Protein backbone atom coordinates (compact mmCIF):
# COMPACT_ATOMS: atom_id res chain seq x y z
CA MET A 1 -2.01 -7.36 -32.91
CA ASP A 2 1.02 -8.86 -31.21
CA PRO A 3 0.77 -8.04 -27.45
CA ILE A 4 4.52 -8.56 -27.06
CA HIS A 5 5.15 -5.41 -29.13
CA ASN A 6 2.38 -3.39 -27.48
CA PRO A 7 4.06 0.02 -26.93
CA TYR A 8 1.77 1.35 -24.20
CA ALA A 9 2.83 1.27 -20.55
CA PRO A 10 0.04 1.64 -17.97
CA GLY A 11 1.42 1.39 -14.45
CA ALA A 12 2.35 3.32 -11.33
CA GLY A 13 4.96 5.78 -12.56
CA ASN A 14 5.88 3.74 -15.64
CA PRO A 15 7.42 6.01 -18.29
CA PRO A 16 5.09 6.32 -21.29
CA PRO A 17 6.49 5.73 -24.77
CA GLU A 18 5.71 9.36 -25.62
CA LEU A 19 5.85 12.02 -22.87
CA ALA A 20 3.66 14.59 -24.56
CA GLY A 21 2.56 18.03 -23.40
CA ARG A 22 4.93 18.42 -20.45
CA ASN A 23 7.74 20.56 -21.88
CA GLU A 24 6.98 23.60 -19.71
CA PRO A 25 7.44 22.01 -16.25
CA LEU A 26 10.45 20.03 -17.51
CA GLU A 27 12.13 23.22 -18.71
CA LYS A 28 11.31 25.08 -15.49
CA ALA A 29 12.85 22.26 -13.47
CA ARG A 30 15.96 22.16 -15.67
CA VAL A 31 16.59 25.89 -15.29
CA ALA A 32 15.96 25.86 -11.52
CA LEU A 33 18.33 22.94 -10.88
CA LEU A 34 21.12 24.38 -13.03
CA ARG A 35 20.78 27.75 -11.26
CA ILE A 36 20.93 26.12 -7.81
CA ALA A 37 23.91 23.94 -8.81
CA SER A 38 25.80 27.02 -10.00
CA GLY A 39 25.26 28.96 -6.78
CA HIS A 40 22.22 31.02 -7.75
CA PHE A 41 18.74 31.00 -6.23
CA GLY A 42 16.12 28.95 -8.04
CA ARG A 43 12.59 28.06 -7.02
CA SER A 44 12.16 24.29 -7.02
CA LEU A 45 9.01 22.65 -8.34
CA ILE A 46 6.24 20.90 -6.41
CA LEU A 47 4.15 19.11 -9.04
CA ALA A 48 0.52 19.18 -7.89
CA GLY A 49 -2.33 17.24 -9.45
CA LEU A 50 -4.87 14.45 -9.29
CA ARG A 51 -4.05 10.76 -9.47
CA GLY A 52 -3.32 9.53 -12.98
CA THR A 53 -2.00 12.80 -14.40
CA GLY A 54 1.60 11.58 -14.63
CA LYS A 55 3.22 13.47 -11.74
CA THR A 56 5.49 10.54 -10.79
CA VAL A 57 6.55 10.08 -14.41
CA LEU A 58 7.48 13.77 -14.62
CA LEU A 59 9.33 13.67 -11.31
CA ASN A 60 11.36 10.67 -12.49
CA ARG A 61 12.19 12.38 -15.78
CA ILE A 62 13.44 15.47 -13.92
CA ARG A 63 15.53 13.21 -11.66
CA GLN A 64 17.08 11.49 -14.67
CA GLU A 65 17.96 14.86 -16.20
CA ALA A 66 19.56 15.93 -12.91
CA GLU A 67 21.66 12.76 -12.85
CA ARG A 68 22.75 13.36 -16.44
CA ALA A 69 23.96 16.78 -15.27
CA ASN A 70 26.08 14.97 -12.62
CA MET A 71 23.92 16.03 -9.69
CA ILE A 72 23.45 13.69 -6.72
CA THR A 73 19.84 12.63 -6.29
CA ILE A 74 17.91 11.17 -3.36
CA ARG A 75 14.70 9.35 -4.27
CA VAL A 76 11.90 9.07 -1.68
CA GLU A 77 8.24 8.03 -1.74
CA VAL A 78 6.38 8.95 1.44
CA PRO A 79 4.22 6.13 2.85
CA GLU A 80 1.81 6.50 5.75
CA GLY A 81 3.27 5.88 9.19
CA ARG A 82 6.94 6.61 8.46
CA SER A 83 8.86 9.56 9.90
CA LEU A 84 10.71 12.05 7.72
CA PRO A 85 14.11 11.27 9.35
CA SER A 86 13.72 7.56 8.58
CA LEU A 87 12.98 8.39 4.94
CA LEU A 88 15.82 10.90 4.47
CA ALA A 89 18.67 9.27 6.40
CA PRO A 90 19.49 6.45 3.91
CA GLY A 91 19.47 8.86 0.97
CA LEU A 92 21.67 11.39 2.77
CA LYS A 93 24.14 8.62 3.60
CA SER A 94 24.22 7.58 -0.06
CA ALA A 95 24.74 11.20 -1.13
CA LEU A 96 27.68 11.60 1.24
CA VAL A 97 29.23 8.33 0.00
CA LYS A 98 29.05 9.69 -3.56
CA LEU A 99 30.53 13.04 -2.47
CA SER A 100 33.44 11.23 -0.82
CA ARG A 101 34.46 9.36 -3.97
CA GLY A 102 37.62 10.20 -5.84
CA LYS A 103 40.23 11.92 -3.72
CA ALA A 104 40.34 11.26 0.00
CA ALA A 105 37.22 12.50 1.74
CA THR A 106 37.62 16.05 2.99
CA GLU A 107 37.18 17.02 6.61
CA LEU A 108 33.91 18.73 5.65
CA ILE A 109 32.50 15.47 4.26
CA MET A 110 33.68 13.51 7.30
CA ARG A 111 32.07 16.11 9.53
CA SER A 112 28.85 15.65 7.54
CA PHE A 113 29.02 11.89 8.14
CA ARG A 114 29.45 12.45 11.89
CA ALA A 115 26.56 14.93 11.91
CA LEU A 116 24.38 12.38 10.10
CA ALA A 117 25.33 9.77 12.72
CA SER A 118 24.29 12.22 15.45
CA PHE A 119 21.05 12.98 13.60
CA VAL A 120 20.19 9.27 13.34
CA LYS A 121 21.01 8.66 17.00
CA ILE A 122 18.85 11.54 18.22
CA MET A 123 15.94 10.90 15.84
CA ARG A 124 15.89 7.18 16.67
CA ILE A 125 15.09 8.13 20.25
CA LYS A 126 12.42 10.58 19.13
CA TYR A 127 10.66 8.60 16.36
CA GLY A 128 11.78 5.01 16.92
CA ASP A 129 11.72 4.01 13.22
CA VAL A 130 15.09 5.48 12.19
CA GLU A 131 17.59 2.73 11.39
CA LEU A 132 20.87 3.30 9.56
CA GLY A 133 24.30 1.74 9.85
CA LEU A 134 27.23 4.17 9.79
CA ASP A 135 30.91 3.41 10.27
CA VAL A 136 31.57 6.73 12.00
CA GLU A 137 30.94 7.85 15.53
CA PRO A 138 28.52 10.71 16.19
CA GLU A 139 30.06 14.06 17.00
CA SER A 140 30.79 14.21 20.73
CA ASP A 141 30.13 17.96 20.64
CA SER A 142 27.54 17.74 17.87
CA LEU A 143 25.51 20.79 17.00
CA ILE A 144 22.65 18.49 15.98
CA SER A 145 19.59 19.47 18.01
CA PRO A 146 16.77 17.21 19.28
CA ASP A 147 14.39 19.59 17.50
CA LEU A 148 13.68 18.28 13.99
CA SER A 149 13.58 21.71 12.32
CA ASP A 150 16.92 22.76 13.79
CA SER A 151 18.63 19.40 13.31
CA LEU A 152 17.53 19.04 9.69
CA SER A 153 18.61 22.62 8.93
CA GLN A 154 22.05 21.97 10.45
CA LEU A 155 22.41 18.69 8.56
CA PHE A 156 21.33 20.20 5.21
CA GLN A 157 23.77 23.05 5.81
CA LEU A 158 26.69 20.64 6.11
CA VAL A 159 25.61 18.45 3.17
CA GLY A 160 25.06 21.57 1.04
CA GLU A 161 28.51 22.89 1.89
CA ALA A 162 30.03 19.50 1.00
CA ALA A 163 28.20 19.52 -2.34
CA LYS A 164 29.40 23.06 -3.02
CA GLU A 165 32.96 21.99 -2.27
CA LYS A 166 32.61 19.19 -4.84
CA LYS A 167 30.98 21.56 -7.38
CA THR A 168 27.74 19.61 -7.60
CA ALA A 169 24.25 19.66 -6.09
CA VAL A 170 22.21 17.31 -3.91
CA VAL A 171 18.54 17.08 -4.93
CA LEU A 172 15.76 15.39 -2.94
CA PHE A 173 13.04 13.89 -5.15
CA ILE A 174 10.01 13.25 -2.95
CA ASP A 175 6.77 11.69 -4.19
CA GLU A 176 3.46 11.74 -2.27
CA LEU A 177 4.66 14.76 -0.32
CA GLN A 178 1.14 15.47 0.98
CA VAL A 179 1.37 12.40 3.26
CA LEU A 180 3.86 14.14 5.59
CA ASP A 181 2.26 15.67 8.66
CA GLU A 182 2.37 19.43 9.00
CA LYS A 183 5.12 19.53 11.65
CA GLN A 184 7.55 17.39 9.65
CA LEU A 185 6.67 19.22 6.44
CA ALA A 186 7.44 22.53 8.18
CA ALA A 187 10.82 21.19 9.30
CA LEU A 188 11.68 20.15 5.73
CA ILE A 189 10.65 23.53 4.29
CA MET A 190 12.65 25.39 6.95
CA ALA A 191 15.80 23.32 6.29
CA LEU A 192 15.59 24.00 2.55
CA HIS A 193 14.89 27.68 3.19
CA VAL A 194 17.99 28.05 5.38
CA ALA A 195 20.13 26.35 2.72
CA ALA A 196 18.64 28.58 -0.02
CA GLN A 197 19.45 31.72 1.98
CA ASP A 198 23.11 30.69 1.89
CA LEU A 199 22.84 29.70 -1.80
CA LEU A 200 23.89 26.15 -0.97
CA PRO A 201 23.29 23.53 -3.68
CA ILE A 202 20.82 21.31 -1.85
CA THR A 203 17.17 21.42 -2.86
CA MET A 204 13.98 19.42 -3.43
CA MET A 205 11.74 18.52 -6.35
CA ALA A 206 8.48 16.89 -5.27
CA ALA A 207 5.01 15.76 -6.28
CA GLY A 208 1.73 15.59 -4.40
CA LEU A 209 -2.03 15.79 -4.57
CA PRO A 210 -3.66 19.22 -5.06
CA GLN A 211 -3.95 19.87 -1.31
CA ILE A 212 -0.16 20.08 -1.05
CA ARG A 213 -0.21 23.80 -1.95
CA ALA A 214 -2.42 24.76 0.99
CA LYS A 215 -0.69 22.31 3.31
CA MET A 216 2.76 23.78 2.60
CA GLY A 217 1.47 27.33 2.91
CA LYS A 218 -0.03 26.47 6.28
CA ALA A 219 3.19 24.79 7.41
CA LYS A 220 5.37 27.76 6.41
CA THR A 221 3.98 30.99 5.00
CA TYR A 222 7.08 31.56 2.85
CA ALA A 223 6.71 28.22 1.01
CA GLU A 224 5.30 29.95 -2.10
CA ARG A 225 8.45 32.08 -2.34
CA LEU A 226 10.66 29.00 -2.13
CA PHE A 227 8.75 26.71 -4.53
CA GLU A 228 6.66 26.86 -7.67
CA PHE A 229 3.50 24.73 -7.78
CA PRO A 230 2.76 23.91 -11.43
CA GLU A 231 -0.59 22.18 -11.83
CA ILE A 232 -0.23 18.85 -13.63
CA GLY A 233 -3.65 18.30 -15.12
CA PRO A 234 -5.13 16.36 -18.03
CA LEU A 235 -3.33 16.65 -21.36
CA ASP A 236 -4.83 19.02 -23.89
CA LEU A 237 -6.38 17.47 -27.01
CA ASN A 238 -3.26 17.74 -29.17
CA ALA A 239 -0.92 16.30 -26.51
CA ALA A 240 -3.37 13.48 -25.72
CA LYS A 241 -3.46 12.55 -29.42
CA GLN A 242 0.34 12.57 -29.56
CA ALA A 243 0.61 10.30 -26.51
CA LEU A 244 -1.72 7.82 -28.19
CA VAL A 245 -0.76 8.08 -31.87
CA ILE A 246 3.04 8.49 -31.92
CA PRO A 247 3.94 5.17 -30.18
CA ALA A 248 1.69 3.27 -32.61
CA LYS A 249 2.93 5.20 -35.65
CA LYS A 250 6.52 4.18 -34.86
CA LEU A 251 5.32 0.59 -35.37
CA ASP A 252 3.40 1.46 -38.58
CA ILE A 253 0.00 1.27 -36.85
CA CYS A 254 -2.60 4.03 -37.17
CA TYR A 255 -6.03 4.92 -35.76
CA THR A 256 -9.17 5.98 -37.58
CA ALA A 257 -10.57 9.37 -36.56
CA PRO A 258 -13.65 7.83 -34.85
CA ALA A 259 -11.38 5.48 -32.85
CA LEU A 260 -9.34 8.44 -31.61
CA THR A 261 -12.51 10.35 -30.71
CA GLU A 262 -13.83 7.41 -28.68
CA ILE A 263 -10.57 6.88 -26.73
CA LEU A 264 -10.04 10.57 -26.02
CA ARG A 265 -13.65 10.90 -24.85
CA GLN A 266 -13.26 7.99 -22.43
CA THR A 267 -9.82 8.99 -21.07
CA GLN A 268 -10.56 12.74 -20.72
CA GLY A 269 -6.87 13.53 -21.30
CA TYR A 270 -5.58 11.75 -18.18
CA ALA A 271 -2.13 10.38 -18.95
CA TYR A 272 -2.56 7.08 -17.09
CA PHE A 273 -5.91 6.33 -18.71
CA ILE A 274 -4.50 7.02 -22.19
CA GLN A 275 -1.92 4.29 -21.57
CA GLU A 276 -4.60 1.94 -20.23
CA TRP A 277 -6.91 2.44 -23.22
CA GLY A 278 -3.98 2.34 -25.65
CA LYS A 279 -2.86 -1.02 -24.28
CA HIS A 280 -6.30 -2.62 -24.50
CA THR A 281 -7.08 -1.14 -27.92
CA TRP A 282 -3.82 -2.56 -29.27
CA ASP A 283 -4.58 -6.00 -27.83
CA VAL A 284 -8.14 -6.00 -29.20
CA ALA A 285 -7.35 -4.80 -32.73
CA LYS A 286 -6.52 -7.40 -35.37
CA THR A 287 -5.01 -5.11 -38.00
CA SER A 288 -4.24 -1.46 -38.75
CA PRO A 289 -6.01 0.91 -38.80
CA ILE A 290 -7.49 0.61 -35.31
CA THR A 291 -11.24 1.23 -35.61
CA GLU A 292 -13.98 2.72 -33.44
CA LYS A 293 -15.29 -0.82 -32.90
CA ASP A 294 -11.86 -1.82 -31.51
CA ALA A 295 -11.84 1.24 -29.25
CA LYS A 296 -15.31 0.51 -27.86
CA GLU A 297 -14.42 -3.11 -27.15
CA ALA A 298 -11.20 -1.91 -25.49
CA THR A 299 -13.26 0.37 -23.22
CA ILE A 300 -14.96 -2.68 -21.70
CA HIS A 301 -11.59 -4.28 -20.92
CA ALA A 302 -9.99 -1.04 -19.70
CA ILE A 303 -12.80 -0.28 -17.26
CA ALA A 304 -12.74 -3.86 -15.96
CA ASP A 305 -8.97 -3.59 -15.35
CA LEU A 306 -9.32 -0.21 -13.61
CA ASP A 307 -12.15 -1.53 -11.44
CA ALA A 308 -10.06 -4.53 -10.41
CA SER A 309 -6.88 -2.59 -9.60
CA PHE A 310 -6.56 1.19 -9.87
CA PHE A 311 -9.96 1.88 -8.28
CA ARG A 312 -10.46 -1.26 -6.21
CA VAL A 313 -7.24 -0.93 -4.20
CA ARG A 314 -8.53 2.41 -2.91
CA PHE A 315 -12.10 1.19 -2.33
CA ASP A 316 -10.89 -1.74 -0.24
CA GLN A 317 -9.23 0.64 2.26
CA LEU A 318 -12.54 2.28 3.13
CA THR A 319 -14.95 1.77 6.00
CA SER A 320 -18.65 1.38 5.30
CA ALA A 321 -19.33 4.99 6.35
CA GLN A 322 -16.54 6.28 4.07
CA ARG A 323 -17.91 4.30 1.13
CA HIS A 324 -21.38 5.74 1.63
CA TYR A 325 -19.92 9.26 1.78
CA LEU A 326 -18.14 8.74 -1.56
CA ARG A 327 -21.26 7.19 -3.07
CA ALA A 328 -23.20 10.30 -2.08
CA MET A 329 -20.50 12.43 -3.74
CA ALA A 330 -20.70 10.30 -6.88
CA GLU A 331 -24.43 10.96 -7.13
CA LEU A 332 -23.60 14.66 -7.42
CA GLY A 333 -21.22 14.04 -10.34
CA PRO A 334 -17.46 14.36 -10.90
CA ASN A 335 -17.22 18.09 -10.21
CA ILE A 336 -16.89 20.04 -6.96
CA ALA A 337 -19.65 19.33 -4.43
CA LEU A 338 -20.58 21.38 -1.40
CA SER A 339 -20.44 19.76 2.02
CA GLY A 340 -24.11 20.59 2.54
CA GLN A 341 -25.08 18.83 -0.69
CA ILE A 342 -23.25 15.66 0.33
CA ALA A 343 -24.76 15.69 3.81
CA LYS A 344 -28.22 16.14 2.27
CA GLN A 345 -27.65 13.10 0.03
CA LEU A 346 -26.82 11.10 3.16
CA GLY A 347 -29.78 12.49 5.10
CA LYS A 348 -27.49 13.87 7.81
CA LYS A 349 -26.13 17.16 9.15
CA VAL A 350 -22.85 18.57 7.87
CA THR A 351 -21.38 18.35 11.37
CA ASP A 352 -22.27 14.65 11.59
CA VAL A 353 -20.33 13.70 8.44
CA GLY A 354 -17.45 16.16 8.94
CA PRO A 355 -15.17 13.54 10.58
CA ILE A 356 -15.74 11.12 7.68
CA ARG A 357 -14.79 13.87 5.22
CA ASP A 358 -11.59 14.55 7.18
CA GLN A 359 -10.72 10.84 7.16
CA LEU A 360 -11.14 10.67 3.38
CA ILE A 361 -8.98 13.77 2.90
CA ASN A 362 -6.27 12.15 5.04
CA LYS A 363 -6.52 8.99 2.91
CA GLY A 364 -5.95 11.12 -0.19
CA LEU A 365 -9.23 10.16 -1.88
CA ILE A 366 -10.82 13.61 -1.79
CA TYR A 367 -9.61 17.16 -1.23
CA SER A 368 -11.05 20.57 -0.57
CA PRO A 369 -10.30 23.23 -3.24
CA ALA A 370 -11.92 25.85 -0.98
CA HIS A 371 -13.79 26.01 2.32
CA GLY A 372 -16.86 23.79 2.22
CA GLU A 373 -15.98 22.31 -1.18
CA THR A 374 -15.07 18.69 -1.86
CA THR A 375 -14.01 16.75 -4.95
CA PHE A 376 -12.31 13.47 -5.86
CA THR A 377 -8.53 13.16 -6.20
CA VAL A 378 -9.00 10.10 -8.45
CA PRO A 379 -10.46 10.84 -11.89
CA LEU A 380 -13.51 8.76 -12.90
CA PHE A 381 -13.92 7.53 -9.31
CA ASP A 382 -17.50 8.78 -9.27
CA SER A 383 -18.43 6.37 -12.07
CA PHE A 384 -16.64 3.53 -10.28
CA MET A 385 -18.58 4.18 -7.06
CA LYS A 386 -21.85 4.01 -9.01
CA ARG A 387 -20.82 0.67 -10.51
CA MET A 388 -19.76 -0.71 -7.11
CA MET A 389 -22.69 0.62 -5.06
């Protein structure tokens, strides 16, 4: 069929043509943001799940809904090696510029600008990677502290008060939240907690790998009272069918039942893989209905594409020892493995391979659901490791 009209959209955070099975977290986010914007307390959402479940897509949809409700949004993706102040400062500047539009900027907004200038000046000395041009001088008697927790709390307080004055809300949308180190994560949680105690309309919606729940709880014990952590997992059977069938049906294309069974078996309900298989099945098929033969041929192409990009980009970051650790995990299957089982596969002691495990957790390739347990953060990565090694 014509690849130009192929409706499927595999990619990093690309919106799918049919966002199926995610009404519950979307509604929770909508209610929380509207409560916070109107001066009530609402628990923000931290979307937690494996790679390929569609967390980024959901986060972007929530952000778009917030913007439609005239809220001011700050969009951040956390990379390795960047400080939290360097990531937040440009977005906070943009938020203050938007708050200052219309009538002449109030003294509160100007004070927020000066506080941000002080924050940037102090954090540049501390972290070295904070760069931001501002046309205002820092406060000469600024209350901004050299301590990140205190300074961020003071800055959020001022920005929240400015948003309240303008009858709107400022919302941070942060992807890959688990990359932040514990100290900076604790500072962010504390700043949002202080603002929430005063019912100020500044908050955060975020997404991260499953370990983000434990990491936030360790950083601040009250994190679970401030945020909800909905698990974003594979789509159930009905939602997975909708994600695959509805985009094709809108173009008068249908699937046979065996074709659907084959694709759903291969993708296991993971949103990204459904888009990948949908794309290749469409390109392979000559006419409607799409058959099981088309789906099986598409599987060959989909796996080749995943091996060359989605999986390979992660594999190429690994040392030889890390690759052998993951290959040992793969031998034990896709489910949770015990540290002792993995060490036995490698012919080593648990203590000998512990540092490698920690490195892989830090890289976001595996995580520990409980003490001594390990599993992949990337679905189907066990099969990939067997093909590669």
